[in-house]
C-alpha atoms as a PDB file:
ATOM      1  CA  MET A   1       0.132   0.733   0.121  1.00  0.00           C
ATOM      2  CA  ASN A   2       1.116   3.251  -0.214  1.00  0.00           C
ATOM      3  CA  ALA A   3       2.552   5.029   2.008  1.00  0.00           C
ATOM      4  CA  ARG A   4       0.649   8.164   1.237  1.00  0.00           C
ATOM      5  CA  PHE A   5      -2.938   6.797   0.811  1.00  0.00           C
ATOM      6  CA  ARG A   6      -2.128   5.939   5.102  1.00  0.00           C
ATOM      7  CA  PRO A   7      -3.530   8.506   7.064  1.00  0.00           C
ATOM      8  CA  LEU A   8      -6.939   8.291   5.341  1.00  0.00           C
ATOM      9  CA  PHE A   9      -7.170   4.586   5.351  1.00  0.00           C
ATOM     10  CA  ARG A  10      -6.587   5.050   9.386  1.00  0.00           C
ATOM     11  CA  ARG A  11      -8.729   9.083   9.457  1.00  0.00           C
ATOM     12  CA  THR A  12     -11.102   6.264   7.824  1.00  0.00           C
ATOM     13  CA  SER A  13     -11.087   3.912  10.679  1.00  0.00           C
ATOM     14  CA  VAL A  14     -10.548   6.201  13.905  1.00  0.00           C
ATOM     15  CA  ARG A  15     -13.850   8.223  11.701  1.00  0.00           C
ATOM     16  CA  LEU A  16     -15.817   4.502  11.572  1.00  0.00           C
ATOM     17  CA  ALA A  17     -14.371   3.457  14.404  1.00  0.00           C
ATOM     18  CA  ALA A  18     -16.130   6.443  15.901  1.00  0.00           C
ATOM     19  CA  VAL A  19     -19.466   6.212  14.466  1.00  0.00           C
ATOM     20  CA  ALA A  20     -19.908   2.429  15.585  1.00  0.00           C
ATOM     21  CA  VAL A  21     -19.220   4.403  19.109  1.00  0.00           C
ATOM     22  CA  LEU A  22     -21.723   7.255  18.825  1.00  0.00           C
ATOM     23  CA  ALA A  23     -24.028   5.843  17.534  1.00  0.00           C
ATOM     24  CA  PRO A  24     -25.644   3.967  19.353  1.00  0.00           C
ATOM     25  CA  ALA A  25     -25.666   7.278  22.131  1.00  0.00           C
ATOM     26  CA  LEU A  26     -27.079   9.225  19.156  1.00  0.00           C
ATOM     27  CA  SER A  27     -29.978   7.010  18.862  1.00  0.00           C
ATOM     28  CA  LEU A  28     -30.646   6.689  22.975  1.00  0.00           C
ATOM     29  CA  GLY A  29     -30.368  11.133  22.541  1.00  0.00           C
ATOM     30  CA  ALA A  30     -32.684  10.635  19.727  1.00  0.00           C
ATOM     31  CA  TRP A  31     -34.621   8.196  21.796  1.00  0.00           C
ATOM     32  CA  ALA A  32     -34.857  10.043  25.234  1.00  0.00           C
ATOM     33  CA  ALA A  33     -36.159  13.519  22.946  1.00  0.00           C
ATOM     34  CA  MET A  34     -40.040  11.768  21.633  1.00  0.00           C
ATOM     35  CA  PRO A  35     -42.864  13.583  23.660  1.00  0.00           C
ATOM     36  CA  ALA A  36     -42.210  11.373  27.139  1.00  0.00           C
ATOM     37  CA  PRO A  37     -46.741  11.019  27.919  1.00  0.00           C
ATOM     38  CA  ALA A  38     -47.174  13.964  30.079  1.00  0.00           C
ATOM     39  CA  ALA A  39     -45.305  15.809  27.200  1.00  0.00           C
ATOM     40  CA  LEU A  40     -47.690  14.396  25.295  1.00  0.00           C
ATOM     41  CA  ALA A  41     -50.933  15.434  28.532  1.00  0.00           C
ATOM     42  CA  ASN A  42     -50.069  18.927  28.238  1.00  0.00           C
ATOM     43  CA  SER A  43     -51.456  19.182  24.707  1.00  0.00           C
ATOM     44  CA  CYS A  44     -54.286  19.719  26.006  1.00  0.00           C
ATOM     45  CA  PRO A  45     -55.430  22.551  25.728  1.00  0.00           C
ATOM     46  CA  GLY A  46     -57.445  23.960  27.877  1.00  0.00           C
ATOM     47  CA  GLY A  47     -61.447  24.172  27.856  1.00  0.00           C
ATOM     48  CA  TYR A  48     -61.851  20.854  26.096  1.00  0.00           C
ATOM     49  CA  PHE A  49     -61.926  17.394  26.923  1.00  0.00           C
ATOM     50  CA  CYS A  50     -59.117  15.434  25.271  1.00  0.00           C
ATOM     51  CA  THR A  51     -58.855  12.339  24.061  1.00  0.00           C
ATOM     52  CA  TRP A  52     -56.640  10.109  22.452  1.00  0.00           C
ATOM     53  CA  ALA A  53     -56.372   5.962  20.356  1.00  0.00           C
ATOM     54  CA  ASP A  54     -53.329   4.828  22.854  1.00  0.00           C
ATOM     55  CA  ALA A  55     -53.610   4.071  27.134  1.00  0.00           C
ATOM     56  CA  GLY A  56     -51.175   6.950  27.781  1.00  0.00           C
ATOM     57  CA  TYR A  57     -51.311   9.873  26.029  1.00  0.00           C
ATOM     58  CA  GLN A  58     -50.422   7.997  23.221  1.00  0.00           C
ATOM     59  CA  ASN A  59     -51.423   8.818  19.483  1.00  0.00           C
ATOM     60  CA  THR A  60     -53.773  10.056  17.940  1.00  0.00           C
ATOM     61  CA  GLN A  61     -54.914  12.766  19.908  1.00  0.00           C
ATOM     62  CA  TRP A  62     -58.585  14.725  19.022  1.00  0.00           C
ATOM     63  CA  ASN A  63     -59.716  18.129  21.230  1.00  0.00           C
ATOM     64  CA  LEU A  64     -63.172  17.099  21.858  1.00  0.00           C
ATOM     65  CA  ASN A  65     -65.211  21.281  22.872  1.00  0.00           C
ATOM     66  CA  ARG A  66     -69.464  21.278  21.780  1.00  0.00           C
ATOM     67  CA  GLY A  67     -71.646  21.753  24.928  1.00  0.00           C
ATOM     68  CA  GLY A  68     -75.042  23.032  25.198  1.00  0.00           C
ATOM     69  CA  ASP A  69     -76.165  20.414  27.861  1.00  0.00           C
ATOM     70  CA  PHE A  70     -76.642  17.907  24.623  1.00  0.00           C
ATOM     71  CA  TRP A  71     -75.442  14.862  23.443  1.00  0.00           C
ATOM     72  CA  TRP A  72     -72.728  14.846  20.236  1.00  0.00           C
ATOM     73  CA  TYR A  73     -70.549  11.692  18.259  1.00  0.00           C
ATOM     74  CA  VAL A  74     -67.198  11.628  19.094  1.00  0.00           C
ATOM     75  CA  GLY A  75     -66.798  12.142  15.313  1.00  0.00           C
ATOM     76  CA  GLY A  76     -66.229   9.027  12.533  1.00  0.00           C
ATOM     77  CA  ALA A  77     -62.356   8.838  13.639  1.00  0.00           C
ATOM     78  CA  ALA A  78     -62.237   8.450  16.952  1.00  0.00           C
ATOM     79  CA  ASN A  79     -65.953   6.215  17.309  1.00  0.00           C
ATOM     80  CA  ASP A  80     -64.766   3.514  19.235  1.00  0.00           C
ATOM     81  CA  LYS A  81     -60.994   4.577  19.788  1.00  0.00           C
ATOM     82  CA  ILE A  82     -60.403   5.881  23.171  1.00  0.00           C
ATOM     83  CA  SER A  83     -57.667   4.110  25.211  1.00  0.00           C
ATOM     84  CA  SER A  84     -57.068   7.690  27.146  1.00  0.00           C
ATOM     85  CA  TYR A  85     -58.992  11.518  28.842  1.00  0.00           C
ATOM     86  CA  ILE A  86     -57.969  14.448  29.777  1.00  0.00           C
ATOM     87  CA  ASN A  87     -60.761  16.777  31.609  1.00  0.00           C
ATOM     88  CA  ASN A  88     -59.399  20.402  31.005  1.00  0.00           C
ATOM     89  CA  ASN A  89     -62.524  22.273  31.959  1.00  0.00           C
ATOM     90  CA  GLY A  90     -63.882  22.970  34.891  1.00  0.00           C
ATOM     91  CA  ASP A  91     -67.449  21.115  33.807  1.00  0.00           C
ATOM     92  CA  TYR A  92     -68.137  17.776  33.432  1.00  0.00           C
ATOM     93  CA  SER A  93     -68.152  15.915  30.304  1.00  0.00           C
ATOM     94  CA  TYR A  94     -69.893  12.601  29.674  1.00  0.00           C
ATOM     95  CA  ILE A  95     -68.928   9.592  27.531  1.00  0.00           C
ATOM     96  CA  ALA A  96     -72.104   6.847  26.590  1.00  0.00           C
ATOM     97  CA  ALA A  97     -70.985   3.497  24.459  1.00  0.00           C
ATOM     98  CA  ASN A  98     -73.649   4.391  21.858  1.00  0.00           C
ATOM     99  CA  CYS A  99     -75.218   7.800  19.453  1.00  0.00           C
ATOM    100  CA  PRO A 100     -77.738   8.728  20.474  1.00  0.00           C
ATOM    101  CA  ALA A 101     -76.829   8.228  24.206  1.00  0.00           C
ATOM    102  CA  ASP A 102     -78.475   5.228  26.221  1.00  0.00           C
ATOM    103  CA  SER A 103     -78.423   3.712  29.614  1.00  0.00           C
ATOM    104  CA  GLN A 104     -74.834   2.783  28.969  1.00  0.00           C
ATOM    105  CA  TRP A 105     -72.842   6.283  29.943  1.00  0.00           C
ATOM    106  CA  THR A 106     -70.988   8.223  32.406  1.00  0.00           C
ATOM    107  CA  TRP A 107     -69.523  11.092  34.288  1.00  0.00           C
ATOM    108  CA  ILE A 108     -66.239  12.226  33.702  1.00  0.00           C
ATOM    109  CA  GLY A 109     -65.805  15.476  36.991  1.00  0.00           C
ATOM    110  CA  PRO A 110     -63.465  18.653  36.224  1.00  0.00           C
ATOM    111  CA  TRP A 111     -60.048  18.687  35.482  1.00  0.00           C
ATOM    112  CA  ALA A 112     -60.600  14.416  35.827  1.00  0.00           C
ATOM    113  CA  ARG A 113     -58.092  12.069  33.558  1.00  0.00           C
ATOM    114  CA  ASN A 114     -57.481   9.126  33.270  1.00  0.00           C
ATOM    115  CA  SER A 115     -54.748   7.309  30.779  1.00  0.00           C
ATOM    116  CA  ASN A 116     -55.670   3.751  30.609  1.00  0.00           C
ATOM    117  CA  LEU A 117     -59.569   2.952  29.487  1.00  0.00           C
ATOM    118  CA  ALA A 118     -58.730  -0.774  29.983  1.00  0.00           C
ATOM    119  CA  ASN A 119     -59.960  -1.770  33.201  1.00  0.00           C
ATOM    120  CA  SER A 120     -62.447   1.253  33.054  1.00  0.00           C
ATOM    121  CA  SER A 121     -66.127  -0.698  33.355  1.00  0.00           C
ATOM    122  CA  TRP A 122     -69.565   1.288  31.631  1.00  0.00           C
ATOM    123  CA  PRO A 123     -72.913   1.259  34.341  1.00  0.00           C
ATOM    124  CA  GLY A 124     -74.201  -2.265  32.065  1.00  0.00           C
ATOM    125  CA  GLY A 125     -70.946  -4.057  31.592  1.00  0.00           C
ATOM    126  CA  GLY A 126     -68.278  -4.593  29.449  1.00  0.00           C
ATOM    127  CA  SER A 127     -65.473  -2.557  29.133  1.00  0.00           C
ATOM    128  CA  VAL A 128     -64.774   1.958  28.309  1.00  0.00           C
ATOM    129  CA  ASN A 129     -61.626   0.733  26.491  1.00  0.00           C
ATOM    130  CA  ASP A 130     -62.634   1.084  22.387  1.00  0.00           C
ATOM    131  CA  SER A 131     -65.774   1.593  22.659  1.00  0.00           C
ATOM    132  CA  ILE A 132     -66.873   5.473  23.444  1.00  0.00           C
ATOM    133  CA  SER A 133     -68.809   7.629  20.724  1.00  0.00           C
ATOM    134  CA  ALA A 134     -70.616   9.555  22.287  1.00  0.00           C
ATOM    135  CA  TYR A 135     -69.977  12.559  24.688  1.00  0.00           C
ATOM    136  CA  ALA A 136     -71.245  15.970  26.210  1.00  0.00           C
ATOM    137  CA  ARG A 137     -71.004  18.599  28.226  1.00  0.00           C
ATOM    138  CA  GLN A 138     -72.235  21.122  30.914  1.00  0.00           C
ATOM    139  CA  GLY A 139     -71.417  23.152  33.759  1.00  0.00           C
ATOM    140  CA  LEU A 140     -71.689  22.644  37.431  1.00  0.00           C
ATOM    141  CA  ASN A 141     -74.733  24.147  38.005  1.00  0.00           C
ATOM    142  CA  ASP A 142     -77.264  22.238  35.614  1.00  0.00           C
ATOM    143  CA  VAL A 143     -78.769  18.756  36.572  1.00  0.00           C
ATOM    144  CA  ASP A 144     -78.479  16.873  34.134  1.00  0.00           C
ATOM    145  CA  VAL A 145     -77.006  15.909  30.365  1.00  0.00           C
ATOM    146  CA  ASP A 146     -80.527  15.691  28.179  1.00  0.00           C
ATOM    147  CA  PHE A 147     -81.693  13.126  26.068  1.00  0.00           C
ATOM    148  CA  PRO A 148     -81.241  11.949  23.466  1.00  0.00           C
ATOM    149  CA  ALA A 149     -78.333  13.298  21.685  1.00  0.00           C
ATOM    150  CA  HIS A 150     -79.712  16.459  19.632  1.00  0.00           C
ATOM    151  CA  GLY A 151     -81.679  16.268  16.775  1.00  0.00           C
ATOM    152  CA  ASP A 152     -82.224  14.033  14.507  1.00  0.00           C
ATOM    153  CA  ARG A 153     -79.020  10.919  14.378  1.00  0.00           C
ATOM    154  CA  THR A 154     -77.916  12.684  10.787  1.00  0.00           C
ATOM    155  CA  HIS A 155     -77.826  15.934  12.681  1.00  0.00           C
ATOM    156  CA  ALA A 156     -76.035  14.679  16.304  1.00  0.00           C
ATOM    157  CA  GLY A 157     -73.401  13.297  13.736  1.00  0.00           C
ATOM    158  CA  CYS A 158     -74.422   9.028  14.916  1.00  0.00           C
END
């Protein structure tokens, strides 16, 4: 081998060794920069009932804020896919298994959160996880949510 090329070969070897040593550290740094569940939970704007597709406030986030003491459809994308929520407002929020809502509903207190709905059940049985179709919000002074869902099935979006 020509002596002129030896330093280049050595530098390349040193560079390869440095990359081999630093690559795992860099990937750990990139992993640490990924949003943690607490950071994702903080992405819920004030005044909203926020829901996520996965436990731990992970994956797709849907921010719901229709009020007026009526039941509303969660939307086609979120229907039967909600696994965690934050009620980031001073109102009661309600969730229902069906839209229009029937007897399978429950309330969520102001500022409440649940990072994993897998262990939550509807009053009549069955898991709340991945089974929410309707929601409602109402102020603290209201007595109860109106039944059935607001308007007809088309208007409510069900």
